C-alpha atoms as a PDB file:
ATOM      1  CA  MET A   1     -13.614 -27.763   2.370  1.00  0.00           C
ATOM      2  CA  SER A   2     -13.115 -27.465  -1.376  1.00  0.00           C
ATOM      3  CA  ALA A   3     -10.312 -26.175  -3.178  1.00  0.00           C
ATOM      4  CA  ARG A   4      -8.936 -23.222  -2.422  1.00  0.00           C
ATOM      5  CA  ARG A   5      -9.300 -20.755  -5.506  1.00  0.00           C
ATOM      6  CA  ARG A   6      -5.836 -20.267  -7.658  1.00  0.00           C
ATOM      7  CA  LEU A   7      -4.409 -17.220  -5.747  1.00  0.00           C
ATOM      8  CA  SER A   8      -1.345 -15.145  -7.244  1.00  0.00           C
ATOM      9  CA  VAL A   9       0.524 -12.694  -5.790  1.00  0.00           C
ATOM     10  CA  PHE A  10       2.123  -9.679  -7.062  1.00  0.00           C
ATOM     11  CA  LEU A  11       4.860  -6.901  -5.767  1.00  0.00           C
ATOM     12  CA  ILE A  12       6.050  -4.094  -7.627  1.00  0.00           C
ATOM     13  CA  VAL A  13       9.568  -3.176  -6.326  1.00  0.00           C
ATOM     14  CA  LYS A  14      13.008  -1.140  -6.360  1.00  0.00           C
ATOM     15  CA  ASN A  15      15.751  -1.326  -4.007  1.00  0.00           C
ATOM     16  CA  GLU A  16      14.024  -3.386  -1.430  1.00  0.00           C
ATOM     17  CA  ALA A  17      16.612  -5.883  -0.548  1.00  0.00           C
ATOM     18  CA  ASP A  18      16.490  -5.061   3.217  1.00  0.00           C
ATOM     19  CA  ARG A  19      12.769  -5.714   3.511  1.00  0.00           C
ATOM     20  CA  ILE A  20      11.837  -8.245   0.319  1.00  0.00           C
ATOM     21  CA  ASP A  21      12.771 -11.579   1.891  1.00  0.00           C
ATOM     22  CA  ASP A  22      10.504 -11.070   4.983  1.00  0.00           C
ATOM     23  CA  CYS A  23       7.890 -10.271   2.874  1.00  0.00           C
ATOM     24  CA  LEU A  24       8.223 -13.082   0.219  1.00  0.00           C
ATOM     25  CA  ALA A  25       8.952 -15.527   3.079  1.00  0.00           C
ATOM     26  CA  SER A  26       5.641 -14.969   4.117  1.00  0.00           C
ATOM     27  CA  VAL A  27       3.885 -16.049   0.555  1.00  0.00           C
ATOM     28  CA  CYS A  28       5.779 -18.062  -1.021  1.00  0.00           C
ATOM     29  CA  GLY A  29       5.142 -21.489  -1.080  1.00  0.00           C
ATOM     30  CA  TRP A  30       2.065 -20.804  -0.299  1.00  0.00           C
ATOM     31  CA  ALA A  31       0.077 -18.696  -2.963  1.00  0.00           C
ATOM     32  CA  ASP A  32      -0.097 -20.389  -5.836  1.00  0.00           C
ATOM     33  CA  GLN A  33       2.367 -17.508  -8.013  1.00  0.00           C
ATOM     34  CA  VAL A  34       4.226 -14.900  -7.154  1.00  0.00           C
ATOM     35  CA  VAL A  35       5.286 -12.317  -9.336  1.00  0.00           C
ATOM     36  CA  VAL A  36       8.136  -9.642  -8.978  1.00  0.00           C
ATOM     37  CA  LEU A  37       7.943  -6.330 -11.259  1.00  0.00           C
ATOM     38  CA  ASP A  38      11.055  -4.848 -10.200  1.00  0.00           C
ATOM     39  CA  SER A  39      12.201  -1.127 -11.849  1.00  0.00           C
ATOM     40  CA  GLY A  40      15.572  -1.075 -11.732  1.00  0.00           C
ATOM     41  CA  SER A  41      17.293  -2.505  -8.434  1.00  0.00           C
ATOM     42  CA  THR A  42      20.750  -2.446  -7.723  1.00  0.00           C
ATOM     43  CA  ASP A  43      21.319  -3.613  -4.434  1.00  0.00           C
ATOM     44  CA  GLY A  44      19.937  -7.590  -4.861  1.00  0.00           C
ATOM     45  CA  THR A  45      16.611  -7.309  -4.633  1.00  0.00           C
ATOM     46  CA  VAL A  46      16.139  -9.581  -7.597  1.00  0.00           C
ATOM     47  CA  GLU A  47      18.701 -12.074  -6.435  1.00  0.00           C
ATOM     48  CA  ILE A  48      16.719 -12.680  -3.218  1.00  0.00           C
ATOM     49  CA  ALA A  49      13.216 -12.907  -5.041  1.00  0.00           C
ATOM     50  CA  ARG A  50      14.535 -15.143  -7.437  1.00  0.00           C
ATOM     51  CA  HIS A  51      16.392 -17.285  -4.455  1.00  0.00           C
ATOM     52  CA  ARG A  52      12.578 -17.253  -2.691  1.00  0.00           C
ATOM     53  CA  GLY A  53      11.214 -18.894  -5.742  1.00  0.00           C
ATOM     54  CA  ALA A  54       9.085 -15.873  -7.097  1.00  0.00           C
ATOM     55  CA  THR A  55       8.862 -14.996 -10.866  1.00  0.00           C
ATOM     56  CA  VAL A  56      10.872 -11.624 -11.371  1.00  0.00           C
ATOM     57  CA  HIS A  57      10.377  -9.414 -14.451  1.00  0.00           C
ATOM     58  CA  GLN A  58      12.134  -6.031 -14.881  1.00  0.00           C
ATOM     59  CA  THR A  59      10.791  -2.946 -16.532  1.00  0.00           C
ATOM     60  CA  ASP A  60      11.270   0.726 -16.235  1.00  0.00           C
ATOM     61  CA  TRP A  61       9.417   2.911 -13.957  1.00  0.00           C
ATOM     62  CA  PRO A  62       6.006   4.486 -15.667  1.00  0.00           C
ATOM     63  CA  GLY A  63       4.296   5.186 -12.173  1.00  0.00           C
ATOM     64  CA  PHE A  64       2.776   3.653  -9.597  1.00  0.00           C
ATOM     65  CA  SER A  65      -0.570   3.221 -11.181  1.00  0.00           C
ATOM     66  CA  ALA A  66       0.866   2.131 -14.930  1.00  0.00           C
ATOM     67  CA  GLN A  67       3.305  -0.495 -12.875  1.00  0.00           C
ATOM     68  CA  ARG A  68       0.629  -2.274 -10.466  1.00  0.00           C
ATOM     69  CA  ASN A  69      -1.369  -2.690 -13.990  1.00  0.00           C
ATOM     70  CA  ARG A  70       1.614  -4.051 -15.587  1.00  0.00           C
ATOM     71  CA  ALA A  71       2.247  -6.204 -12.750  1.00  0.00           C
ATOM     72  CA  LEU A  72      -1.645  -7.472 -12.756  1.00  0.00           C
ATOM     73  CA  GLY A  73      -1.138  -8.837 -16.452  1.00  0.00           C
ATOM     74  CA  LEU A  74       1.478 -10.891 -15.622  1.00  0.00           C
ATOM     75  CA  VAL A  75      -0.294 -13.152 -12.901  1.00  0.00           C
ATOM     76  CA  ASP A  76      -3.081 -15.897 -13.875  1.00  0.00           C
ATOM     77  CA  GLY A  77      -4.786 -16.376 -10.622  1.00  0.00           C
ATOM     78  CA  GLU A  78      -8.533 -16.094 -10.457  1.00  0.00           C
ATOM     79  CA  TRP A  79      -7.584 -14.123  -7.079  1.00  0.00           C
ATOM     80  CA  VAL A  80      -4.941 -11.639  -6.542  1.00  0.00           C
ATOM     81  CA  LEU A  81      -3.234 -10.462  -3.899  1.00  0.00           C
ATOM     82  CA  SER A  82      -0.935  -6.975  -4.248  1.00  0.00           C
ATOM     83  CA  ILE A  83       1.162  -6.359  -1.401  1.00  0.00           C
ATOM     84  CA  ASP A  84       4.527  -4.547  -1.068  1.00  0.00           C
ATOM     85  CA  ALA A  85       7.991  -5.411  -0.024  1.00  0.00           C
ATOM     86  CA  ASP A  86       7.131  -3.487   3.655  1.00  0.00           C
ATOM     87  CA  GLU A  87       4.433  -5.853   4.163  1.00  0.00           C
ATOM     88  CA  ARG A  88       3.951  -9.209   5.748  1.00  0.00           C
ATOM     89  CA  LEU A  89       1.181 -12.050   5.981  1.00  0.00           C
ATOM     90  CA  THR A  90       0.760 -13.545   9.179  1.00  0.00           C
ATOM     91  CA  PRO A  91       0.330 -17.152   9.979  1.00  0.00           C
ATOM     92  CA  ALA A  92      -3.571 -15.900  10.936  1.00  0.00           C
ATOM     93  CA  LEU A  93      -3.982 -13.755   7.915  1.00  0.00           C
ATOM     94  CA  ARG A  94      -2.854 -17.180   5.646  1.00  0.00           C
ATOM     95  CA  ASP A  95      -5.135 -19.333   7.373  1.00  0.00           C
ATOM     96  CA  GLU A  96      -8.048 -16.914   6.775  1.00  0.00           C
ATOM     97  CA  ILE A  97      -7.398 -16.328   3.194  1.00  0.00           C
ATOM     98  CA  ASP A  98      -7.389 -19.959   2.801  1.00  0.00           C
ATOM     99  CA  ALA A  99     -10.684 -20.404   4.079  1.00  0.00           C
ATOM    100  CA  ALA A 100     -12.319 -17.564   2.322  1.00  0.00           C
ATOM    101  CA  LEU A 101     -11.035 -18.810  -1.078  1.00  0.00           C
ATOM    102  CA  SER A 102     -12.152 -21.916  -0.200  1.00  0.00           C
ATOM    103  CA  ASP A 103     -15.339 -21.125   0.304  1.00  0.00           C
ATOM    104  CA  PRO A 104     -18.117 -22.400  -2.426  1.00  0.00           C
ATOM    105  CA  ALA A 105     -20.376 -19.730  -1.282  1.00  0.00           C
ATOM    106  CA  LEU A 106     -17.637 -16.618  -1.438  1.00  0.00           C
ATOM    107  CA  ASP A 107     -19.905 -13.626  -3.363  1.00  0.00           C
ATOM    108  CA  ALA A 108     -17.373 -11.146  -2.598  1.00  0.00           C
ATOM    109  CA  THR A 109     -14.928  -9.495  -5.448  1.00  0.00           C
ATOM    110  CA  LEU A 110     -12.988  -7.500  -2.931  1.00  0.00           C
ATOM    111  CA  ILE A 111     -11.585  -9.112   0.546  1.00  0.00           C
ATOM    112  CA  LYS A 112     -10.258  -6.356   3.111  1.00  0.00           C
ATOM    113  CA  MET A 113      -7.771  -7.092   6.160  1.00  0.00           C
ATOM    114  CA  PRO A 114      -7.033  -5.241   9.157  1.00  0.00           C
ATOM    115  CA  TRP A 115      -3.741  -2.955   8.869  1.00  0.00           C
ATOM    116  CA  ARG A 116      -1.061  -3.535  11.486  1.00  0.00           C
ATOM    117  CA  THR A 117       1.608  -0.428  10.715  1.00  0.00           C
ATOM    118  CA  TYR A 118       4.388  -0.131  12.662  1.00  0.00           C
ATOM    119  CA  PHE A 119       5.931   3.258  13.820  1.00  0.00           C
ATOM    120  CA  CYS A 120       9.103   3.280  15.779  1.00  0.00           C
ATOM    121  CA  GLY A 121       9.238  -0.246  16.908  1.00  0.00           C
ATOM    122  CA  ARG A 122       5.405  -0.760  18.034  1.00  0.00           C
ATOM    123  CA  PRO A 123       2.410  -1.337  15.743  1.00  0.00           C
ATOM    124  CA  LEU A 124      -0.086   2.062  15.711  1.00  0.00           C
ATOM    125  CA  ARG A 125      -3.604   0.912  17.267  1.00  0.00           C
ATOM    126  CA  PHE A 126      -5.428   3.761  15.713  1.00  0.00           C
ATOM    127  CA  GLY A 127      -5.832   6.067  13.192  1.00  0.00           C
ATOM    128  CA  ARG A 128      -5.351   6.451   9.020  1.00  0.00           C
ATOM    129  CA  TYR A 129      -2.464   3.394   9.366  1.00  0.00           C
ATOM    130  CA  THR A 130      -4.403   1.263  10.910  1.00  0.00           C
ATOM    131  CA  SER A 131      -7.853   1.124   8.240  1.00  0.00           C
ATOM    132  CA  PRO A 132      -8.443  -1.892   6.451  1.00  0.00           C
ATOM    133  CA  GLN A 133      -6.786  -2.397   3.246  1.00  0.00           C
ATOM    134  CA  GLY A 134      -8.375  -4.167  -0.191  1.00  0.00           C
ATOM    135  CA  LYS A 135      -5.253  -6.094  -1.195  1.00  0.00           C
ATOM    136  CA  LEU A 136      -7.319  -9.306  -2.351  1.00  0.00           C
ATOM    137  CA  PHE A 137      -9.460  -9.389  -5.176  1.00  0.00           C
ATOM    138  CA  ARG A 138     -10.899 -11.028  -8.065  1.00  0.00           C
ATOM    139  CA  ARG A 139      -8.798 -10.539 -11.037  1.00  0.00           C
ATOM    140  CA  GLU A 140     -11.488 -10.796 -14.022  1.00  0.00           C
ATOM    141  CA  GLY A 141     -12.238  -6.984 -15.078  1.00  0.00           C
ATOM    142  CA  ALA A 142      -9.712  -5.535 -12.311  1.00  0.00           C
ATOM    143  CA  ARG A 143      -7.783  -2.352 -13.013  1.00  0.00           C
ATOM    144  CA  TYR A 144      -5.864   0.417 -11.071  1.00  0.00           C
ATOM    145  CA  SER A 145      -6.627   4.198 -11.747  1.00  0.00           C
ATOM    146  CA  THR A 146      -4.334   6.375 -13.094  1.00  0.00           C
ATOM    147  CA  ARG A 147      -3.610   8.267 -10.124  1.00  0.00           C
ATOM    148  CA  PRO A 148       0.080   9.031  -9.547  1.00  0.00           C
ATOM    149  CA  VAL A 149       0.208   7.838  -6.217  1.00  0.00           C
ATOM    150  CA  HIS A 150      -2.259   6.168  -3.686  1.00  0.00           C
ATOM    151  CA  GLU A 151      -4.100   4.565  -6.628  1.00  0.00           C
ATOM    152  CA  GLN A 152      -7.361   3.252  -6.464  1.00  0.00           C
ATOM    153  CA  LEU A 153      -8.233  -0.254  -7.276  1.00  0.00           C
ATOM    154  CA  LEU A 154     -11.414  -0.369  -9.824  1.00  0.00           C
ATOM    155  CA  LEU A 155     -13.535  -3.531 -10.063  1.00  0.00           C
ATOM    156  CA  PRO A 156     -16.352  -4.021 -12.336  1.00  0.00           C
ATOM    157  CA  GLU A 157     -18.599  -5.076  -9.161  1.00  0.00           C
ATOM    158  CA  ARG A 158     -17.582  -4.325  -5.776  1.00  0.00           C
ATOM    159  CA  ARG A 159     -18.893  -6.815  -2.789  1.00  0.00           C
ATOM    160  CA  VAL A 160     -16.679  -6.778   0.197  1.00  0.00           C
ATOM    161  CA  LEU A 161     -15.561  -9.409   2.747  1.00  0.00           C
ATOM    162  CA  ASN A 162     -13.831  -8.112   5.692  1.00  0.00           C
ATOM    163  CA  LEU A 163     -11.308 -10.466   7.331  1.00  0.00           C
ATOM    164  CA  LYS A 164     -10.214 -10.183  11.245  1.00  0.00           C
ATOM    165  CA  SER A 165      -6.472 -11.235  10.634  1.00  0.00           C
ATOM    166  CA  PRO A 166      -3.849  -8.157  10.351  1.00  0.00           C
ATOM    167  CA  LEU A 167      -1.462  -7.775   7.538  1.00  0.00           C
ATOM    168  CA  ASP A 168       1.714  -6.658   9.352  1.00  0.00           C
ATOM    169  CA  HIS A 169       3.265  -3.245   7.503  1.00  0.00           C
ATOM    170  CA  TYR A 170       6.534  -1.773   8.113  1.00  0.00           C
ATOM    171  CA  SER A 171       6.449   1.011   5.920  1.00  0.00           C
ATOM    172  CA  TRP A 172       9.464   3.621   7.352  1.00  0.00           C
ATOM    173  CA  ARG A 173      12.670   2.262   8.216  1.00  0.00           C
ATOM    174  CA  SER A 174      13.168   5.117  10.480  1.00  0.00           C
ATOM    175  CA  TYR A 175      11.893   8.881  11.198  1.00  0.00           C
ATOM    176  CA  ALA A 176      13.881  10.533   8.384  1.00  0.00           C
ATOM    177  CA  HIS A 177      12.396   7.624   5.916  1.00  0.00           C
ATOM    178  CA  ALA A 178       9.004   8.576   6.856  1.00  0.00           C
ATOM    179  CA  GLN A 179       9.160  12.118   6.767  1.00  0.00           C
ATOM    180  CA  GLU A 180      11.089  11.332   3.014  1.00  0.00           C
ATOM    181  CA  LYS A 181       8.199   9.208   2.328  1.00  0.00           C
ATOM    182  CA  HIS A 182       5.133  11.525   2.952  1.00  0.00           C
ATOM    183  CA  LEU A 183       7.080  14.548   1.140  1.00  0.00           C
ATOM    184  CA  GLN A 184       7.519  12.706  -1.953  1.00  0.00           C
ATOM    185  CA  TYR A 185       3.726  11.179  -2.282  1.00  0.00           C
ATOM    186  CA  ALA A 186       2.932  14.756  -1.395  1.00  0.00           C
ATOM    187  CA  VAL A 187       4.816  16.298  -4.225  1.00  0.00           C
ATOM    188  CA  LEU A 188       3.517  13.908  -6.375  1.00  0.00           C
ATOM    189  CA  LEU A 189       0.015  14.497  -5.551  1.00  0.00           C
ATOM    190  CA  ALA A 190       0.620  18.140  -6.062  1.00  0.00           C
ATOM    191  CA  ARG A 191       1.959  17.801  -9.349  1.00  0.00           C
ATOM    192  CA  HIS A 192      -1.279  15.489 -10.201  1.00  0.00           C
ATOM    193  CA  LYS A 193      -3.667  18.433  -8.878  1.00  0.00           C
ATOM    194  CA  HIS A 194      -1.560  21.190 -10.965  1.00  0.00           C
ATOM    195  CA  ALA A 195      -1.951  19.148 -13.898  1.00  0.00           C
ATOM    196  CA  GLN A 196      -5.930  19.227 -13.866  1.00  0.00           C
ATOM    197  CA  GLY A 197      -5.734  22.848 -13.352  1.00  0.00           C
ATOM    198  CA  GLU A 198      -5.932  23.373  -9.658  1.00  0.00           C
ATOM    199  CA  ARG A 199      -4.230  25.692  -7.563  1.00  0.00           C
ATOM    200  CA  GLY A 200      -2.894  25.871  -4.033  1.00  0.00           C
ATOM    201  CA  SER A 201      -2.355  29.116  -1.031  1.00  0.00           C
ATOM    202  CA  LEU A 202      -0.457  28.759   1.724  1.00  0.00           C
ATOM    203  CA  ALA A 203      -3.015  30.059   3.795  1.00  0.00           C
ATOM    204  CA  TYR A 204      -4.728  26.626   2.570  1.00  0.00           C
ATOM    205  CA  ALA A 205      -1.924  24.484   3.272  1.00  0.00           C
ATOM    206  CA  SER A 206      -1.619  25.948   6.812  1.00  0.00           C
ATOM    207  CA  VAL A 207      -4.890  25.294   7.288  1.00  0.00           C
ATOM    208  CA  ARG A 208      -4.574  21.994   6.134  1.00  0.00           C
ATOM    209  CA  PHE A 209      -1.934  21.334   8.675  1.00  0.00           C
ATOM    210  CA  PHE A 210      -4.192  22.025  11.676  1.00  0.00           C
ATOM    211  CA  THR A 211      -7.309  19.967  10.478  1.00  0.00           C
ATOM    212  CA  ASP A 212      -5.408  17.047   9.222  1.00  0.00           C
ATOM    213  CA  PHE A 213      -3.581  16.890  12.372  1.00  0.00           C
ATOM    214  CA  LEU A 214      -6.960  17.114  14.408  1.00  0.00           C
ATOM    215  CA  GLN A 215      -8.386  14.248  12.206  1.00  0.00           C
ATOM    216  CA  GLN A 216      -5.605  11.986  13.029  1.00  0.00           C
ATOM    217  CA  TYR A 217      -4.988  13.027  16.711  1.00  0.00           C
ATOM    218  CA  VAL A 218      -8.580  13.739  18.079  1.00  0.00           C
ATOM    219  CA  PHE A 219     -11.383  12.179  15.889  1.00  0.00           C
ATOM    220  CA  ARG A 220      -9.145   8.906  14.680  1.00  0.00           C
ATOM    221  CA  LEU A 221      -8.251   8.494  18.251  1.00  0.00           C
ATOM    222  CA  GLY A 222      -4.267   8.592  17.704  1.00  0.00           C
ATOM    223  CA  LEU A 223      -3.804  10.403  21.088  1.00  0.00           C
ATOM    224  CA  LEU A 224      -4.422   7.153  22.578  1.00  0.00           C
ATOM    225  CA  ASP A 225      -0.969   5.909  20.645  1.00  0.00           C
ATOM    226  CA  GLY A 226       0.893   8.125  22.807  1.00  0.00           C
ATOM    227  CA  TRP A 227       3.893   9.825  21.827  1.00  0.00           C
ATOM    228  CA  ARG A 228       3.798   8.131  18.480  1.00  0.00           C
ATOM    229  CA  GLY A 229       0.502   8.773  17.782  1.00  0.00           C
ATOM    230  CA  PHE A 230       1.363  12.542  18.239  1.00  0.00           C
ATOM    231  CA  LEU A 231       4.242  12.403  16.092  1.00  0.00           C
ATOM    232  CA  MET A 232       2.214  10.401  13.555  1.00  0.00           C
ATOM    233  CA  ALA A 233      -0.353  13.233  13.508  1.00  0.00           C
ATOM    234  CA  VAL A 234       2.249  16.308  13.073  1.00  0.00           C
ATOM    235  CA  MET A 235       3.824  14.028  10.322  1.00  0.00           C
ATOM    236  CA  LEU A 236       0.313  13.945   8.514  1.00  0.00           C
ATOM    237  CA  GLY A 237      -0.244  17.291   9.002  1.00  0.00           C
ATOM    238  CA  GLN A 238       2.913  18.150   7.596  1.00  0.00           C
ATOM    239  CA  TYR A 239       1.885  15.981   4.563  1.00  0.00           C
ATOM    240  CA  ALA A 240      -1.062  17.892   4.192  1.00  0.00           C
ATOM    241  CA  PHE A 241       0.857  21.120   4.174  1.00  0.00           C
ATOM    242  CA  HIS A 242       3.372  20.001   1.847  1.00  0.00           C
ATOM    243  CA  LYS A 243       0.711  18.909  -0.625  1.00  0.00           C
ATOM    244  CA  TYR A 244      -0.766  22.190  -0.797  1.00  0.00           C
ATOM    245  CA  ALA A 245       2.500  24.053  -0.817  1.00  0.00           C
ATOM    246  CA  ALA A 246       4.108  22.375  -3.353  1.00  0.00           C
ATOM    247  CA  LEU A 247       1.047  22.878  -5.355  1.00  0.00           C
ATOM    248  CA  ARG A 248       1.568  27.010  -4.723  1.00  0.00           C
ATOM    249  CA  SER A 249       4.984  26.991  -5.767  1.00  0.00           C
ATOM    250  CA  MET A 250       4.005  25.682  -9.003  1.00  0.00           C
ATOM    251  CA  ARG A 251       2.313  28.594 -10.258  1.00  0.00           C
ATOM    252  CA  GLU A 252       5.982  29.891 -10.512  1.00  0.00           C
ATOM    253  CA  GLN A 253       7.480  27.081 -12.495  1.00  0.00           C
END
C-alpha cells in the first residue's frame, strides 16, 4: 500500500476541558498535524491540548464560519479533518481513513462518515443526528461559507466517498445543555435571516414546530429510538419554533 497522504486535523474550541482530552486522544499521534484554535478558554482547555501535543493558537471569536476559515489557514496537510471537541474517532474509522488516503486511485475531494450521536446515554439510530458528515476533505481551494451557524464547506469540485465506520458524537452534556445549544443556534440563524430581510410570524413558527417534529419522528424514523427519539423530535420542533419566533420578535427591536 502507498504512503498515506498528509493529514491535518483542526478544532475550534472554547472552554472544552471536560471533553477535549478524549477527542485529542483519538487523533494525536495518528494525524500528521493537529491544530487547536482557541477563542479565550479559561478552564484549562489550552493546557490539555498542549499536553496532548496539539499546536495551539489563541484568538478572538468572529463566528463559526470565520473561525473555521482561520483554522483552515493554519494547517498544511493535503487532506484536512475538521472535528469538534465533542467528537471521537473510533479505531475502525481511523483504519478506514488510512486506507482511503493511502489509495493511489483516490479520486474523491470529500469523504463522509456516519455520525453516531449519543443522547441521554445511548446513540441515536435514526433522524437528523445520524446523517453522514463531510468532515474530511482536500484542502486545496476549500473554504467555509459565511453562515453564522451550520456553516457549509465549499469545494472547487465535489466528489464524495462514503465510509462505513462511525464518528462518535457527544454533543450534549445534559438535557439542559441540549436545550441551551438548540436555542443559541436558533437565535443565531434568526439574526442571519433578519439581516437578509426575512420576516417571521408566530403562526409560521407554530406550523414549523409540527412539521419538523413529524419529519424527525415519523419520516426520519425517530420513533424507532423509543423515548429518546420522541424527546429529540420534540426538541427539533422547538428548535424550529424558536428560530421563527425569534425572527418575529426582531421586528420590534
